[in-house]
């Protein structure tokens, strides 16, 4: 007989969280079931989730006379996690102007990060084909966070674009370091754009890059994503906040991912600012491949399970020594791998 598993004792906070989640699920199921039992739902139709509010989502109708209208919808019980950008089948209520999500439709891409409790993939946005990594002189940009976004993008096959915003904040104290940082990414093939909403510069080039794509803005809080959207889409209600006084990390201004349409074609998803982006749901081999300049050297080490540390005949270390791989990117890779091993 194998060892008995100890029963895990939940803390009061964990118990309260579980009870809250159970009540929320019951509430969603009850609202959906009430509408369906009363026969107040119309036929199924395709829709697009344009915003997510926990228990409910806003759905844009994609077909019929109501195409383009937005309906607040309940989630049918036992659906997979749905996020902004998901296409769904839904039914409108004929009684109160709400609706019910019946099913999620297949995705062609899904940007995710690990759940802080389960370490399982937690969807962030669906059906995107371009990720715009926004940085600014303030708050200070960190290469390791940029690299995490790049790995996530490469892993699901979406095109990254690096965007330096708030160029009006460049000065002799930060310009050289930021220039060196961006040159590193240009050297390995990533496109870089620069914008300033204060000076109205670079916005036309950014619009051209976003047209006819479904893009997502990601980056630290305070880098100006919401201000950019306000200039790209005049009239859109985006809540904007300044950097907190005495703190350069920034203050959250967007609380839920929202999707916006460009008049000339293309969609844009704005995501809440996050200071970390975990990769715990991605295997080590996929992280290695996510560093695109590593790819010519992968599989060429003497040992198949080479960890690229002190092993002899390591192709990646040889590439580092020859200058084919930068020391900064190798250090970033090792930091990411070490963080995974901690978990």
C-alpha atoms as a PDB file:
ATOM      1  CA  UNK A   1       0.000   0.000   0.000  1.00  0.00           C
ATOM      2  CA  UNK A   2       1.410   3.357  -0.964  1.00  0.00           C
ATOM      3  CA  UNK A   3       1.820   6.233   1.464  1.00  0.00           C
ATOM      4  CA  UNK A   4      -1.355   7.995   2.468  1.00  0.00           C
ATOM      5  CA  UNK A   5      -1.782  11.502   1.147  1.00  0.00           C
ATOM      6  CA  UNK A   6      -2.158  14.110   3.838  1.00  0.00           C
ATOM      7  CA  UNK A   7      -5.387  16.061   3.620  1.00  0.00           C
ATOM      8  CA  UNK A   8      -4.606  19.645   2.753  1.00  0.00           C
ATOM      9  CA  UNK A   9      -5.984  22.116   5.281  1.00  0.00           C
ATOM     10  CA  UNK A  10      -7.313  25.257   3.624  1.00  0.00           C
ATOM     11  CA  UNK A  11      -6.677  28.667   5.087  1.00  0.00           C
ATOM     12  CA  UNK A  12      -9.643  30.902   5.866  1.00  0.00           C
ATOM     13  CA  UNK A  13      -8.760  33.106   2.899  1.00  0.00           C
ATOM     14  CA  UNK A  14      -8.673  30.110   0.543  1.00  0.00           C
ATOM     15  CA  UNK A  15     -11.999  28.854   1.893  1.00  0.00           C
ATOM     16  CA  UNK A  16     -13.628  32.244   1.358  1.00  0.00           C
ATOM     17  CA  UNK A  17     -12.229  32.412  -2.193  1.00  0.00           C
ATOM     18  CA  UNK A  18     -13.575  28.962  -3.067  1.00  0.00           C
ATOM     19  CA  UNK A  19     -16.990  29.771  -1.629  1.00  0.00           C
ATOM     20  CA  UNK A  20     -17.094  33.020  -3.604  1.00  0.00           C
ATOM     21  CA  UNK A  21     -16.210  31.189  -6.824  1.00  0.00           C
ATOM     22  CA  UNK A  22     -18.885  28.570  -6.168  1.00  0.00           C
ATOM     23  CA  UNK A  23     -21.520  31.254  -5.576  1.00  0.00           C
ATOM     24  CA  UNK A  24     -20.477  33.023  -8.781  1.00  0.00           C
ATOM     25  CA  UNK A  25     -20.776  29.803 -10.806  1.00  0.00           C
ATOM     26  CA  UNK A  26     -24.162  29.084  -9.272  1.00  0.00           C
ATOM     27  CA  UNK A  27     -25.309  32.614 -10.045  1.00  0.00           C
ATOM     28  CA  UNK A  28     -24.237  32.381 -13.690  1.00  0.00           C
ATOM     29  CA  UNK A  29     -25.873  28.987 -14.073  1.00  0.00           C
ATOM     30  CA  UNK A  30     -29.053  30.210 -12.432  1.00  0.00           C
ATOM     31  CA  UNK A  31     -29.357  33.319 -14.609  1.00  0.00           C
ATOM     32  CA  UNK A  32     -28.741  31.290 -17.771  1.00  0.00           C
ATOM     33  CA  UNK A  33     -31.097  28.497 -16.731  1.00  0.00           C
ATOM     34  CA  UNK A  34     -33.875  30.950 -15.838  1.00  0.00           C
ATOM     35  CA  UNK A  35     -33.771  32.565 -19.258  1.00  0.00           C
ATOM     36  CA  UNK A  36     -33.675  29.217 -21.045  1.00  0.00           C
ATOM     37  CA  UNK A  37     -36.441  27.624 -18.929  1.00  0.00           C
ATOM     38  CA  UNK A  38     -38.712  30.558 -19.643  1.00  0.00           C
ATOM     39  CA  UNK A  39     -38.208  30.184 -23.391  1.00  0.00           C
ATOM     40  CA  UNK A  40     -36.985  33.751 -23.706  1.00  0.00           C
ATOM     41  CA  UNK A  41     -33.935  33.106 -25.869  1.00  0.00           C
ATOM     42  CA  UNK A  42     -33.691  33.634 -29.601  1.00  0.00           C
ATOM     43  CA  UNK A  43     -31.782  31.424 -32.063  1.00  0.00           C
ATOM     44  CA  UNK A  44     -28.032  30.838 -31.849  1.00  0.00           C
ATOM     45  CA  UNK A  45     -25.867  33.357 -33.659  1.00  0.00           C
ATOM     46  CA  UNK A  46     -22.139  34.097 -33.923  1.00  0.00           C
ATOM     47  CA  UNK A  47     -20.620  36.843 -31.818  1.00  0.00           C
ATOM     48  CA  UNK A  48     -17.313  38.352 -30.742  1.00  0.00           C
ATOM     49  CA  UNK A  49     -16.351  38.974 -27.101  1.00  0.00           C
ATOM     50  CA  UNK A  50     -15.138  42.557 -26.902  1.00  0.00           C
ATOM     51  CA  UNK A  51     -14.847  42.862 -23.104  1.00  0.00           C
ATOM     52  CA  UNK A  52     -14.832  40.549 -20.101  1.00  0.00           C
ATOM     53  CA  UNK A  53     -16.199  41.462 -16.673  1.00  0.00           C
ATOM     54  CA  UNK A  54     -15.733  38.277 -14.675  1.00  0.00           C
ATOM     55  CA  UNK A  55     -19.258  36.905 -14.462  1.00  0.00           C
ATOM     56  CA  UNK A  56     -20.404  38.487 -17.710  1.00  0.00           C
ATOM     57  CA  UNK A  57     -19.048  39.475 -21.118  1.00  0.00           C
ATOM     58  CA  UNK A  58     -19.942  42.025 -23.760  1.00  0.00           C
ATOM     59  CA  UNK A  59     -20.663  40.356 -27.104  1.00  0.00           C
ATOM     60  CA  UNK A  60     -20.825  42.046 -30.500  1.00  0.00           C
ATOM     61  CA  UNK A  61     -23.298  40.510 -32.923  1.00  0.00           C
ATOM     62  CA  UNK A  62     -21.564  39.532 -36.172  1.00  0.00           C
ATOM     63  CA  UNK A  63     -24.504  38.714 -38.448  1.00  0.00           C
ATOM     64  CA  UNK A  64     -28.077  39.743 -39.200  1.00  0.00           C
ATOM     65  CA  UNK A  65     -29.876  43.043 -38.725  1.00  0.00           C
ATOM     66  CA  UNK A  66     -28.339  43.487 -35.264  1.00  0.00           C
ATOM     67  CA  UNK A  67     -24.733  43.149 -36.530  1.00  0.00           C
ATOM     68  CA  UNK A  68     -22.446  45.544 -34.679  1.00  0.00           C
ATOM     69  CA  UNK A  69     -24.658  45.901 -31.609  1.00  0.00           C
ATOM     70  CA  UNK A  70     -23.301  45.018 -28.164  1.00  0.00           C
ATOM     71  CA  UNK A  71     -25.115  42.765 -25.680  1.00  0.00           C
ATOM     72  CA  UNK A  72     -24.182  41.952 -22.094  1.00  0.00           C
ATOM     73  CA  UNK A  73     -24.228  38.145 -21.844  1.00  0.00           C
ATOM     74  CA  UNK A  74     -24.200  35.575 -19.064  1.00  0.00           C
ATOM     75  CA  UNK A  75     -21.930  32.541 -19.338  1.00  0.00           C
ATOM     76  CA  UNK A  76     -23.573  29.131 -19.533  1.00  0.00           C
ATOM     77  CA  UNK A  77     -22.275  26.821 -16.807  1.00  0.00           C
ATOM     78  CA  UNK A  78     -19.292  24.536 -17.527  1.00  0.00           C
ATOM     79  CA  UNK A  79     -17.948  26.542 -20.468  1.00  0.00           C
ATOM     80  CA  UNK A  80     -14.198  26.743 -20.928  1.00  0.00           C
ATOM     81  CA  UNK A  81     -12.590  30.036 -19.947  1.00  0.00           C
ATOM     82  CA  UNK A  82     -13.493  32.660 -22.538  1.00  0.00           C
ATOM     83  CA  UNK A  83     -11.607  35.909 -23.097  1.00  0.00           C
ATOM     84  CA  UNK A  84     -11.649  39.062 -25.173  1.00  0.00           C
ATOM     85  CA  UNK A  85     -11.207  38.188 -28.842  1.00  0.00           C
ATOM     86  CA  UNK A  86     -13.029  34.862 -28.582  1.00  0.00           C
ATOM     87  CA  UNK A  87     -15.714  34.117 -31.146  1.00  0.00           C
ATOM     88  CA  UNK A  88     -18.749  32.489 -29.591  1.00  0.00           C
ATOM     89  CA  UNK A  89     -22.204  31.135 -30.268  1.00  0.00           C
ATOM     90  CA  UNK A  90     -24.781  33.049 -28.220  1.00  0.00           C
ATOM     91  CA  UNK A  91     -28.528  33.551 -27.863  1.00  0.00           C
ATOM     92  CA  UNK A  92     -30.203  36.874 -27.223  1.00  0.00           C
ATOM     93  CA  UNK A  93     -32.943  37.268 -24.639  1.00  0.00           C
ATOM     94  CA  UNK A  94     -36.248  38.376 -26.092  1.00  0.00           C
ATOM     95  CA  UNK A  95     -37.257  39.829 -22.732  1.00  0.00           C
ATOM     96  CA  UNK A  96     -34.591  41.973 -21.130  1.00  0.00           C
ATOM     97  CA  UNK A  97     -31.871  42.847 -23.653  1.00  0.00           C
ATOM     98  CA  UNK A  98     -29.251  40.434 -22.288  1.00  0.00           C
ATOM     99  CA  UNK A  99     -28.046  37.120 -23.675  1.00  0.00           C
ATOM    100  CA  UNK A 100     -26.407  33.775 -22.927  1.00  0.00           C
ATOM    101  CA  UNK A 101     -23.132  32.393 -24.271  1.00  0.00           C
ATOM    102  CA  UNK A 102     -23.834  28.890 -25.556  1.00  0.00           C
ATOM    103  CA  UNK A 103     -20.348  27.814 -26.694  1.00  0.00           C
ATOM    104  CA  UNK A 104     -16.903  29.063 -27.583  1.00  0.00           C
ATOM    105  CA  UNK A 105     -15.845  28.680 -31.226  1.00  0.00           C
ATOM    106  CA  UNK A 106     -12.401  27.399 -32.337  1.00  0.00           C
ATOM    107  CA  UNK A 107      -9.441  29.780 -31.863  1.00  0.00           C
ATOM    108  CA  UNK A 108      -6.496  30.212 -34.187  1.00  0.00           C
ATOM    109  CA  UNK A 109      -4.334  31.616 -31.379  1.00  0.00           C
ATOM    110  CA  UNK A 110      -4.512  32.143 -27.629  1.00  0.00           C
ATOM    111  CA  UNK A 111      -2.150  34.293 -25.576  1.00  0.00           C
ATOM    112  CA  UNK A 112      -1.917  32.937 -22.038  1.00  0.00           C
ATOM    113  CA  UNK A 113       0.048  33.219 -18.843  1.00  0.00           C
ATOM    114  CA  UNK A 114       0.082  30.784 -15.909  1.00  0.00           C
ATOM    115  CA  UNK A 115      -2.514  31.094 -13.178  1.00  0.00           C
ATOM    116  CA  UNK A 116      -0.859  32.248  -9.952  1.00  0.00           C
ATOM    117  CA  UNK A 117      -2.480  29.408  -7.985  1.00  0.00           C
ATOM    118  CA  UNK A 118      -2.576  26.430 -10.347  1.00  0.00           C
ATOM    119  CA  UNK A 119       0.303  27.340 -12.745  1.00  0.00           C
ATOM    120  CA  UNK A 120      -2.013  26.202 -15.566  1.00  0.00           C
ATOM    121  CA  UNK A 121      -2.403  28.398 -18.677  1.00  0.00           C
ATOM    122  CA  UNK A 122      -4.780  31.291 -18.081  1.00  0.00           C
ATOM    123  CA  UNK A 123      -6.054  32.879 -21.304  1.00  0.00           C
ATOM    124  CA  UNK A 124      -5.368  36.591 -21.776  1.00  0.00           C
ATOM    125  CA  UNK A 125      -6.702  37.196 -25.302  1.00  0.00           C
ATOM    126  CA  UNK A 126      -7.786  35.060 -28.249  1.00  0.00           C
ATOM    127  CA  UNK A 127      -7.396  35.152 -32.028  1.00  0.00           C
ATOM    128  CA  UNK A 128      -4.640  37.782 -32.092  1.00  0.00           C
ATOM    129  CA  UNK A 129      -2.002  37.764 -34.833  1.00  0.00           C
ATOM    130  CA  UNK A 130       0.189  40.652 -33.647  1.00  0.00           C
ATOM    131  CA  UNK A 131       1.506  41.530 -30.194  1.00  0.00           C
ATOM    132  CA  UNK A 132       2.679  45.103 -29.626  1.00  0.00           C
ATOM    133  CA  UNK A 133       5.136  45.246 -26.717  1.00  0.00           C
ATOM    134  CA  UNK A 134       4.964  48.813 -25.451  1.00  0.00           C
ATOM    135  CA  UNK A 135       7.835  50.281 -23.432  1.00  0.00           C
ATOM    136  CA  UNK A 136       8.693  53.842 -22.423  1.00  0.00           C
ATOM    137  CA  UNK A 137      11.621  55.725 -20.880  1.00  0.00           C
ATOM    138  CA  UNK A 138       9.525  55.838 -17.703  1.00  0.00           C
ATOM    139  CA  UNK A 139       8.841  53.393 -16.133  1.00  0.00           C
ATOM    140  CA  UNK A 140      12.258  51.886 -16.815  1.00  0.00           C
ATOM    141  CA  UNK A 141      12.020  49.090 -19.416  1.00  0.00           C
ATOM    142  CA  UNK A 142      13.340  45.636 -18.498  1.00  0.00           C
ATOM    143  CA  UNK A 143      14.775  43.345 -21.145  1.00  0.00           C
ATOM    144  CA  UNK A 144      13.677  40.212 -19.291  1.00  0.00           C
ATOM    145  CA  UNK A 145      10.005  41.253 -19.404  1.00  0.00           C
ATOM    146  CA  UNK A 146      10.328  42.049 -23.116  1.00  0.00           C
ATOM    147  CA  UNK A 147      11.922  38.638 -23.670  1.00  0.00           C
ATOM    148  CA  UNK A 148       9.068  36.912 -21.863  1.00  0.00           C
ATOM    149  CA  UNK A 149       6.543  38.555 -24.163  1.00  0.00           C
ATOM    150  CA  UNK A 150       8.649  37.607 -27.181  1.00  0.00           C
ATOM    151  CA  UNK A 151       8.852  33.959 -26.112  1.00  0.00           C
ATOM    152  CA  UNK A 152       5.087  33.852 -25.560  1.00  0.00           C
ATOM    153  CA  UNK A 153       4.507  35.367 -29.012  1.00  0.00           C
ATOM    154  CA  UNK A 154       6.916  33.012 -30.768  1.00  0.00           C
ATOM    155  CA  UNK A 155       5.410  30.017 -28.974  1.00  0.00           C
ATOM    156  CA  UNK A 156       1.940  30.623 -30.428  1.00  0.00           C
ATOM    157  CA  UNK A 157       3.102  31.985 -33.774  1.00  0.00           C
ATOM    158  CA  UNK A 158       2.046  35.636 -33.584  1.00  0.00           C
ATOM    159  CA  UNK A 159       4.148  38.531 -34.873  1.00  0.00           C
ATOM    160  CA  UNK A 160       5.818  40.771 -32.262  1.00  0.00           C
ATOM    161  CA  UNK A 161       6.351  44.509 -32.665  1.00  0.00           C
ATOM    162  CA  UNK A 162       8.386  46.554 -30.182  1.00  0.00           C
ATOM    163  CA  UNK A 163       7.060  50.055 -29.603  1.00  0.00           C
ATOM    164  CA  UNK A 164       8.964  52.764 -27.755  1.00  0.00           C
ATOM    165  CA  UNK A 165       6.303  55.200 -26.586  1.00  0.00           C
ATOM    166  CA  UNK A 166       6.717  58.553 -24.813  1.00  0.00           C
ATOM    167  CA  UNK A 167       9.826  59.452 -26.802  1.00  0.00           C
ATOM    168  CA  UNK A 168       9.359  62.990 -25.485  1.00  0.00           C
ATOM    169  CA  UNK A 169      10.730  61.651 -22.165  1.00  0.00           C
ATOM    170  CA  UNK A 170      14.086  60.671 -23.682  1.00  0.00           C
ATOM    171  CA  UNK A 171      16.967  62.630 -22.196  1.00  0.00           C
ATOM    172  CA  UNK A 172      20.772  62.393 -21.903  1.00  0.00           C
ATOM    173  CA  UNK A 173      20.380  60.200 -18.827  1.00  0.00           C
ATOM    174  CA  UNK A 174      18.339  57.423 -20.467  1.00  0.00           C
ATOM    175  CA  UNK A 175      18.640  57.750 -24.247  1.00  0.00           C
ATOM    176  CA  UNK A 176      21.848  55.745 -24.682  1.00  0.00           C
ATOM    177  CA  UNK A 177      20.690  52.789 -22.573  1.00  0.00           C
ATOM    178  CA  UNK A 178      17.311  52.583 -24.308  1.00  0.00           C
ATOM    179  CA  UNK A 179      18.946  52.875 -27.712  1.00  0.00           C
ATOM    180  CA  UNK A 180      21.309  50.001 -26.883  1.00  0.00           C
ATOM    181  CA  UNK A 181      18.381  47.901 -25.648  1.00  0.00           C
ATOM    182  CA  UNK A 182      16.363  48.406 -28.826  1.00  0.00           C
ATOM    183  CA  UNK A 183      19.374  47.903 -31.104  1.00  0.00           C
ATOM    184  CA  UNK A 184      19.751  44.451 -29.560  1.00  0.00           C
ATOM    185  CA  UNK A 185      16.271  43.496 -30.796  1.00  0.00           C
ATOM    186  CA  UNK A 186      16.721  45.108 -34.196  1.00  0.00           C
ATOM    187  CA  UNK A 187      19.889  43.028 -34.629  1.00  0.00           C
ATOM    188  CA  UNK A 188      17.971  39.759 -34.285  1.00  0.00           C
ATOM    189  CA  UNK A 189      15.204  40.843 -36.650  1.00  0.00           C
ATOM    190  CA  UNK A 190      12.437  42.367 -34.542  1.00  0.00           C
ATOM    191  CA  UNK A 191      10.780  45.543 -35.888  1.00  0.00           C
ATOM    192  CA  UNK A 192      10.884  48.618 -33.638  1.00  0.00           C
ATOM    193  CA  UNK A 193       8.713  51.730 -33.849  1.00  0.00           C
ATOM    194  CA  UNK A 194       8.760  54.931 -31.798  1.00  0.00           C
ATOM    195  CA  UNK A 195       5.808  57.145 -30.863  1.00  0.00           C
ATOM    196  CA  UNK A 196       4.901  60.127 -28.738  1.00  0.00           C
ATOM    197  CA  UNK A 197       1.313  61.207 -28.144  1.00  0.00           C
ATOM    198  CA  UNK A 198       2.593  64.441 -26.598  1.00  0.00           C
ATOM    199  CA  UNK A 199       4.374  65.342 -29.840  1.00  0.00           C
ATOM    200  CA  UNK A 200       1.996  63.498 -32.167  1.00  0.00           C
ATOM    201  CA  UNK A 201       4.885  61.583 -33.732  1.00  0.00           C
ATOM    202  CA  UNK A 202       5.041  58.053 -35.140  1.00  0.00           C
ATOM    203  CA  UNK A 203       1.279  57.476 -34.971  1.00  0.00           C
ATOM    204  CA  UNK A 204       0.742  57.142 -38.731  1.00  0.00           C
ATOM    205  CA  UNK A 205       3.419  54.455 -38.957  1.00  0.00           C
ATOM    206  CA  UNK A 206       1.819  52.610 -36.052  1.00  0.00           C
ATOM    207  CA  UNK A 207      -1.635  52.782 -37.675  1.00  0.00           C
ATOM    208  CA  UNK A 208      -0.195  51.284 -40.845  1.00  0.00           C
ATOM    209  CA  UNK A 209       1.324  48.387 -38.885  1.00  0.00           C
ATOM    210  CA  UNK A 210      -1.961  47.649 -37.100  1.00  0.00           C
ATOM    211  CA  UNK A 211      -4.288  47.870 -40.093  1.00  0.00           C
ATOM    212  CA  UNK A 212      -6.002  44.603 -41.073  1.00  0.00           C
ATOM    213  CA  UNK A 213      -4.556  42.767 -38.046  1.00  0.00           C
ATOM    214  CA  UNK A 214      -5.949  41.776 -34.672  1.00  0.00           C
ATOM    215  CA  UNK A 215      -3.333  43.194 -32.333  1.00  0.00           C
ATOM    216  CA  UNK A 216      -2.875  43.286 -28.590  1.00  0.00           C
ATOM    217  CA  UNK A 217      -1.063  45.972 -26.614  1.00  0.00           C
ATOM    218  CA  UNK A 218       0.953  44.608 -23.678  1.00  0.00           C
ATOM    219  CA  UNK A 219       3.468  46.139 -21.334  1.00  0.00           C
ATOM    220  CA  UNK A 220       4.053  47.563 -17.898  1.00  0.00           C
ATOM    221  CA  UNK A 221       1.551  49.893 -16.308  1.00  0.00           C
ATOM    222  CA  UNK A 222       2.243  53.521 -17.092  1.00  0.00           C
ATOM    223  CA  UNK A 223       3.851  53.106 -20.523  1.00  0.00           C
ATOM    224  CA  UNK A 224       0.960  54.945 -22.184  1.00  0.00           C
ATOM    225  CA  UNK A 225      -1.059  52.197 -23.869  1.00  0.00           C
ATOM    226  CA  UNK A 226      -4.372  53.843 -23.071  1.00  0.00           C
ATOM    227  CA  UNK A 227      -3.151  57.243 -24.285  1.00  0.00           C
ATOM    228  CA  UNK A 228      -2.059  55.635 -27.552  1.00  0.00           C
ATOM    229  CA  UNK A 229      -5.481  54.085 -28.027  1.00  0.00           C
ATOM    230  CA  UNK A 230      -7.072  57.433 -27.339  1.00  0.00           C
ATOM    231  CA  UNK A 231      -5.066  58.954 -30.192  1.00  0.00           C
ATOM    232  CA  UNK A 232      -5.476  56.014 -32.551  1.00  0.00           C
ATOM    233  CA  UNK A 233      -9.227  55.866 -31.892  1.00  0.00           C
ATOM    234  CA  UNK A 234     -10.521  59.354 -31.056  1.00  0.00           C
ATOM    235  CA  UNK A 235     -13.712  59.292 -29.025  1.00  0.00           C
ATOM    236  CA  UNK A 236     -13.016  55.945 -27.354  1.00  0.00           C
ATOM    237  CA  UNK A 237     -13.521  56.159 -23.582  1.00  0.00           C
ATOM    238  CA  UNK A 238     -10.232  55.038 -22.061  1.00  0.00           C
ATOM    239  CA  UNK A 239      -9.467  55.837 -18.444  1.00  0.00           C
ATOM    240  CA  UNK A 240      -5.933  57.242 -18.275  1.00  0.00           C
ATOM    241  CA  UNK A 241      -3.795  57.771 -15.171  1.00  0.00           C
ATOM    242  CA  UNK A 242      -0.398  59.313 -14.569  1.00  0.00           C
ATOM    243  CA  UNK A 243       2.532  57.571 -12.966  1.00  0.00           C
ATOM    244  CA  UNK A 244       2.174  57.436  -9.210  1.00  0.00           C
ATOM    245  CA  UNK A 245       4.213  60.144  -7.537  1.00  0.00           C
ATOM    246  CA  UNK A 246       7.409  58.767  -6.121  1.00  0.00           C
ATOM    247  CA  UNK A 247       6.990  55.445  -7.917  1.00  0.00           C
ATOM    248  CA  UNK A 248       8.306  54.717 -11.392  1.00  0.00           C
ATOM    249  CA  UNK A 249       6.537  51.380 -11.813  1.00  0.00           C
ATOM    250  CA  UNK A 250       3.309  53.032 -12.884  1.00  0.00           C
ATOM    251  CA  UNK A 251      -0.289  52.731 -11.846  1.00  0.00           C
ATOM    252  CA  UNK A 252      -2.889  50.435 -13.381  1.00  0.00           C
ATOM    253  CA  UNK A 253      -5.330  52.319 -15.616  1.00  0.00           C
ATOM    254  CA  UNK A 254      -7.020  49.471 -17.523  1.00  0.00           C
ATOM    255  CA  UNK A 255      -8.804  46.799 -15.498  1.00  0.00           C
ATOM    256  CA  UNK A 256     -10.109  44.441 -18.191  1.00  0.00           C
ATOM    257  CA  UNK A 257      -9.017  43.548 -21.717  1.00  0.00           C
ATOM    258  CA  UNK A 258     -11.150  45.366 -24.293  1.00  0.00           C
ATOM    259  CA  UNK A 259     -11.340  45.075 -28.073  1.00  0.00           C
ATOM    260  CA  UNK A 260     -11.672  48.092 -30.375  1.00  0.00           C
ATOM    261  CA  UNK A 261     -12.236  48.301 -34.143  1.00  0.00           C
ATOM    262  CA  UNK A 262     -10.193  50.538 -36.434  1.00  0.00           C
ATOM    263  CA  UNK A 263     -12.344  52.384 -38.988  1.00  0.00           C
ATOM    264  CA  UNK A 264      -9.946  51.433 -41.807  1.00  0.00           C
ATOM    265  CA  UNK A 265      -9.851  47.758 -40.788  1.00  0.00           C
ATOM    266  CA  UNK A 266      -8.256  45.738 -38.019  1.00  0.00           C
ATOM    267  CA  UNK A 267      -8.890  45.271 -34.309  1.00  0.00           C
ATOM    268  CA  UNK A 268      -6.954  46.221 -31.208  1.00  0.00           C
ATOM    269  CA  UNK A 269      -7.084  44.597 -27.767  1.00  0.00           C
ATOM    270  CA  UNK A 270      -5.897  46.612 -24.796  1.00  0.00           C
ATOM    271  CA  UNK A 271      -4.786  44.441 -21.873  1.00  0.00           C
ATOM    272  CA  UNK A 272      -4.357  45.406 -18.218  1.00  0.00           C
ATOM    273  CA  UNK A 273      -0.818  46.529 -17.433  1.00  0.00           C
ATOM    274  CA  UNK A 274       1.187  43.761 -15.807  1.00  0.00           C
ATOM    275  CA  UNK A 275       4.610  43.958 -14.212  1.00  0.00           C
ATOM    276  CA  UNK A 276       5.440  40.291 -14.692  1.00  0.00           C
ATOM    277  CA  UNK A 277       4.592  37.754 -17.373  1.00  0.00           C
ATOM    278  CA  UNK A 278       5.164  34.173 -16.331  1.00  0.00           C
ATOM    279  CA  UNK A 279       6.053  31.367 -18.706  1.00  0.00           C
ATOM    280  CA  UNK A 280       5.444  28.459 -16.348  1.00  0.00           C
ATOM    281  CA  UNK A 281       3.000  26.887 -18.806  1.00  0.00           C
ATOM    282  CA  UNK A 282       5.671  26.602 -21.542  1.00  0.00           C
ATOM    283  CA  UNK A 283       8.171  23.735 -21.695  1.00  0.00           C
ATOM    284  CA  UNK A 284      11.875  24.476 -21.568  1.00  0.00           C
ATOM    285  CA  UNK A 285      12.469  23.346 -25.164  1.00  0.00           C
ATOM    286  CA  UNK A 286       9.798  25.772 -26.387  1.00  0.00           C
ATOM    287  CA  UNK A 287      11.389  28.586 -24.388  1.00  0.00           C
ATOM    288  CA  UNK A 288      14.740  27.838 -26.048  1.00  0.00           C
ATOM    289  CA  UNK A 289      13.072  28.024 -29.457  1.00  0.00           C
ATOM    290  CA  UNK A 290      11.352  31.258 -28.407  1.00  0.00           C
ATOM    291  CA  UNK A 291      14.773  32.933 -28.455  1.00  0.00           C
ATOM    292  CA  UNK A 292      14.858  33.051 -32.246  1.00  0.00           C
ATOM    293  CA  UNK A 293      18.610  33.601 -32.584  1.00  0.00           C
ATOM    294  CA  UNK A 294      19.165  30.333 -30.641  1.00  0.00           C
ATOM    295  CA  UNK A 295      17.404  28.227 -33.261  1.00  0.00           C
ATOM    296  CA  UNK A 296      20.388  27.536 -35.600  1.00  0.00           C
ATOM    297  CA  UNK A 297      22.269  26.088 -32.623  1.00  0.00           C
ATOM    298  CA  UNK A 298      19.561  24.006 -30.973  1.00  0.00           C
ATOM    299  CA  UNK A 299      20.082  20.258 -31.177  1.00  0.00           C
ATOM    300  CA  UNK A 300      23.802  20.630 -31.905  1.00  0.00           C
ATOM    301  CA  UNK A 301      25.114  20.223 -28.349  1.00  0.00           C
ATOM    302  CA  UNK A 302      26.998  17.053 -27.440  1.00  0.00           C
ATOM    303  CA  UNK A 303      24.369  16.120 -24.843  1.00  0.00           C
ATOM    304  CA  UNK A 304      20.726  15.951 -25.832  1.00  0.00           C
ATOM    305  CA  UNK A 305      19.653  17.265 -22.399  1.00  0.00           C
ATOM    306  CA  UNK A 306      22.296  20.008 -22.362  1.00  0.00           C
ATOM    307  CA  UNK A 307      21.353  22.863 -20.011  1.00  0.00           C
ATOM    308  CA  UNK A 308      23.802  25.296 -21.639  1.00  0.00           C
ATOM    309  CA  UNK A 309      25.631  25.989 -18.394  1.00  0.00           C
ATOM    310  CA  UNK A 310      29.020  24.280 -17.979  1.00  0.00           C
ATOM    311  CA  UNK A 311      28.550  21.239 -20.228  1.00  0.00           C
ATOM    312  CA  UNK A 312      31.352  20.555 -22.748  1.00  0.00           C
ATOM    313  CA  UNK A 313      30.696  21.038 -26.475  1.00  0.00           C
ATOM    314  CA  UNK A 314      27.617  23.190 -25.879  1.00  0.00           C
ATOM    315  CA  UNK A 315      26.608  24.790 -29.174  1.00  0.00           C
ATOM    316  CA  UNK A 316      24.845  27.701 -27.481  1.00  0.00           C
ATOM    317  CA  UNK A 317      27.863  28.526 -25.335  1.00  0.00           C
ATOM    318  CA  UNK A 318      30.065  28.343 -28.422  1.00  0.00           C
ATOM    319  CA  UNK A 319      27.698  30.749 -30.198  1.00  0.00           C
ATOM    320  CA  UNK A 320      27.887  33.050 -27.186  1.00  0.00           C
ATOM    321  CA  UNK A 321      31.676  32.988 -27.233  1.00  0.00           C
ATOM    322  CA  UNK A 322      31.760  33.800 -30.959  1.00  0.00           C
ATOM    323  CA  UNK A 323      29.338  36.705 -30.586  1.00  0.00           C
ATOM    324  CA  UNK A 324      26.512  35.033 -32.517  1.00  0.00           C
ATOM    325  CA  UNK A 325      24.374  35.242 -29.369  1.00  0.00           C
ATOM    326  CA  UNK A 326      24.467  38.292 -27.108  1.00  0.00           C
ATOM    327  CA  UNK A 327      25.452  37.948 -23.472  1.00  0.00           C
ATOM    328  CA  UNK A 328      22.351  39.931 -22.476  1.00  0.00           C
ATOM    329  CA  UNK A 329      19.942  37.557 -24.202  1.00  0.00           C
ATOM    330  CA  UNK A 330      21.720  34.490 -22.853  1.00  0.00           C
ATOM    331  CA  UNK A 331      21.516  35.933 -19.328  1.00  0.00           C
ATOM    332  CA  UNK A 332      17.823  36.651 -19.837  1.00  0.00           C
ATOM    333  CA  UNK A 333      17.237  33.076 -21.033  1.00  0.00           C
ATOM    334  CA  UNK A 334      18.998  31.656 -17.987  1.00  0.00           C
ATOM    335  CA  UNK A 335      16.960  33.894 -15.663  1.00  0.00           C
ATOM    336  CA  UNK A 336      13.714  32.682 -17.216  1.00  0.00           C
ATOM    337  CA  UNK A 337      14.732  29.021 -16.991  1.00  0.00           C
ATOM    338  CA  UNK A 338      15.848  29.463 -13.366  1.00  0.00           C
ATOM    339  CA  UNK A 339      12.475  30.981 -12.490  1.00  0.00           C
ATOM    340  CA  UNK A 340      10.711  27.962 -14.011  1.00  0.00           C
ATOM    341  CA  UNK A 341      12.860  25.534 -12.076  1.00  0.00           C
ATOM    342  CA  UNK A 342      11.952  27.310  -8.833  1.00  0.00           C
ATOM    343  CA  UNK A 343       8.341  26.300  -9.431  1.00  0.00           C
END
